[in-house]
Amino acid sequence: MPQLDADGYFWPGQRLCAAIVDRLTFGGNLIQTGTDSYRLALTQARAAAQDAVG
């Protein structure tokens, strides 16, 4: 029986998610849109804040 998160949705383990993404993107083409990535900027800001704290 799959485990459900607090909201009742099934979310497989991190390893399985990485494998799914790998299978979906293998042999695919990545398209650069020329726009700024919100997720990348947020991740970098969080990392910088964490480094500043310690």
N, C-alpha and C. Protein backbone atom coordinates (compact mmCIF):
# COMPACT_ATOMS: atom_id res chain seq x y z
N MET A 1 0.85 -1.19 0.00
CA MET A 1 0.00 0.00 0.00
C MET A 1 0.89 1.24 0.00
N PRO A 2 0.68 2.14 -0.94
CA PRO A 2 1.51 3.34 -0.98
C PRO A 2 1.24 4.26 0.21
N GLN A 3 2.28 4.94 0.62
CA GLN A 3 2.16 5.90 1.71
C GLN A 3 1.61 7.21 1.18
N LEU A 4 0.73 7.83 1.95
CA LEU A 4 0.15 9.12 1.57
C LEU A 4 0.75 10.20 2.45
N ASP A 5 0.89 11.40 1.88
CA ASP A 5 1.39 12.51 2.69
C ASP A 5 0.25 13.10 3.51
N ALA A 6 0.50 14.20 4.20
CA ALA A 6 -0.49 14.79 5.09
C ALA A 6 -1.74 15.24 4.34
N ASP A 7 -1.60 15.59 3.06
CA ASP A 7 -2.75 16.04 2.27
C ASP A 7 -3.47 14.89 1.57
N GLY A 8 -3.00 13.68 1.76
CA GLY A 8 -3.65 12.53 1.17
C GLY A 8 -3.17 12.19 -0.23
N TYR A 9 -2.06 12.78 -0.65
CA TYR A 9 -1.52 12.50 -1.98
C TYR A 9 -0.37 11.51 -1.89
N PHE A 10 -0.28 10.66 -2.89
CA PHE A 10 0.82 9.71 -2.97
C PHE A 10 2.03 10.42 -3.57
N TRP A 11 3.15 10.33 -2.92
CA TRP A 11 4.39 10.89 -3.44
C TRP A 11 5.48 9.87 -3.18
N PRO A 12 5.99 9.25 -4.25
CA PRO A 12 7.00 8.22 -4.06
C PRO A 12 8.31 8.80 -3.51
N GLY A 13 9.19 7.93 -3.13
CA GLY A 13 10.46 8.35 -2.55
C GLY A 13 11.31 9.17 -3.51
N GLN A 14 12.28 9.85 -2.96
CA GLN A 14 13.16 10.73 -3.72
C GLN A 14 13.89 9.97 -4.82
N ARG A 15 14.33 8.78 -4.51
CA ARG A 15 15.07 7.97 -5.49
C ARG A 15 14.20 7.61 -6.68
N LEU A 16 12.95 7.23 -6.42
CA LEU A 16 12.03 6.88 -7.49
C LEU A 16 11.70 8.11 -8.33
N CYS A 17 11.51 9.25 -7.69
CA CYS A 17 11.23 10.49 -8.43
C CYS A 17 12.39 10.83 -9.35
N ALA A 18 13.61 10.69 -8.87
CA ALA A 18 14.78 10.97 -9.70
C ALA A 18 14.83 10.01 -10.88
N ALA A 19 14.49 8.76 -10.67
CA ALA A 19 14.48 7.79 -11.76
C ALA A 19 13.41 8.12 -12.79
N ILE A 20 12.26 8.56 -12.34
CA ILE A 20 11.18 8.94 -13.27
C ILE A 20 11.60 10.14 -14.12
N VAL A 21 12.16 11.15 -13.48
CA VAL A 21 12.62 12.33 -14.22
C VAL A 21 13.71 11.94 -15.21
N ASP A 22 14.61 11.07 -14.79
CA ASP A 22 15.68 10.61 -15.68
C ASP A 22 15.10 9.93 -16.91
N ARG A 23 14.12 9.06 -16.71
CA ARG A 23 13.50 8.35 -17.86
C ARG A 23 12.77 9.31 -18.77
N LEU A 24 12.10 10.31 -18.20
CA LEU A 24 11.34 11.26 -19.01
C LEU A 24 12.24 12.18 -19.83
N THR A 25 13.40 12.51 -19.29
CA THR A 25 14.27 13.48 -19.97
C THR A 25 15.36 12.83 -20.81
N PHE A 26 15.56 11.52 -20.70
CA PHE A 26 16.61 10.85 -21.45
C PHE A 26 16.34 11.00 -22.95
N GLY A 27 17.31 11.52 -23.66
CA GLY A 27 17.17 11.68 -25.11
C GLY A 27 16.31 12.86 -25.51
N GLY A 28 15.86 13.62 -24.53
CA GLY A 28 15.02 14.78 -24.83
C GLY A 28 15.86 16.01 -25.10
N ASN A 29 15.21 17.04 -25.52
CA ASN A 29 15.86 18.32 -25.76
C ASN A 29 15.42 19.32 -24.71
N LEU A 30 16.39 19.98 -24.10
CA LEU A 30 16.08 21.03 -23.14
C LEU A 30 16.06 22.35 -23.90
N ILE A 31 15.05 23.14 -23.64
CA ILE A 31 14.87 24.39 -24.36
C ILE A 31 15.15 25.55 -23.42
N GLN A 32 16.08 26.40 -23.80
CA GLN A 32 16.32 27.61 -23.03
C GLN A 32 15.39 28.68 -23.57
N THR A 33 14.62 29.26 -22.67
CA THR A 33 13.63 30.25 -23.09
C THR A 33 14.18 31.66 -23.03
N GLY A 34 15.34 31.83 -22.41
CA GLY A 34 15.93 33.16 -22.30
C GLY A 34 15.35 33.97 -21.15
N THR A 35 14.52 33.34 -20.33
CA THR A 35 13.95 34.05 -19.19
C THR A 35 14.68 33.63 -17.93
N ASP A 36 14.53 34.44 -16.89
CA ASP A 36 15.14 34.12 -15.61
C ASP A 36 14.34 33.03 -14.92
N SER A 37 15.05 32.14 -14.25
CA SER A 37 14.41 31.05 -13.54
C SER A 37 14.10 31.48 -12.11
N TYR A 38 12.82 31.53 -11.78
CA TYR A 38 12.40 31.87 -10.43
C TYR A 38 12.92 30.84 -9.43
N ARG A 39 12.82 29.56 -9.79
CA ARG A 39 13.25 28.50 -8.87
C ARG A 39 14.76 28.54 -8.62
N LEU A 40 15.53 28.79 -9.67
CA LEU A 40 16.98 28.87 -9.50
C LEU A 40 17.35 30.06 -8.62
N ALA A 41 16.72 31.22 -8.87
CA ALA A 41 17.01 32.40 -8.05
C ALA A 41 16.64 32.17 -6.60
N LEU A 42 15.51 31.53 -6.35
CA LEU A 42 15.08 31.25 -4.98
C LEU A 42 16.04 30.28 -4.29
N THR A 43 16.46 29.24 -5.00
CA THR A 43 17.39 28.27 -4.44
C THR A 43 18.72 28.93 -4.11
N GLN A 44 19.21 29.78 -5.00
CA GLN A 44 20.48 30.47 -4.75
C GLN A 44 20.36 31.44 -3.58
N ALA A 45 19.24 32.13 -3.46
CA ALA A 45 19.04 33.06 -2.35
C ALA A 45 18.98 32.31 -1.02
N ARG A 46 18.29 31.17 -1.01
CA ARG A 46 18.22 30.37 0.21
C ARG A 46 19.60 29.84 0.61
N ALA A 47 20.37 29.39 -0.37
CA ALA A 47 21.72 28.88 -0.09
C ALA A 47 22.61 29.98 0.46
N ALA A 48 22.51 31.18 -0.13
CA ALA A 48 23.31 32.31 0.33
C ALA A 48 22.93 32.70 1.76
N ALA A 49 21.64 32.70 2.04
CA ALA A 49 21.18 33.03 3.40
C ALA A 49 21.64 31.99 4.40
N GLN A 50 21.61 30.73 4.01
CA GLN A 50 22.05 29.66 4.90
C GLN A 50 23.57 29.75 5.15
N ASP A 51 24.32 30.09 4.10
CA ASP A 51 25.77 30.25 4.26
C ASP A 51 26.10 31.44 5.18
N ALA A 52 25.30 32.48 5.11
CA ALA A 52 25.52 33.66 5.93
C ALA A 52 25.27 33.37 7.41
N VAL A 53 24.32 32.48 7.68
CA VAL A 53 23.99 32.12 9.05
C VAL A 53 25.04 31.21 9.65
N GLY A 54 25.54 30.33 8.85
CA GLY A 54 26.56 29.46 9.43
C GLY A 54 26.67 28.23 8.73
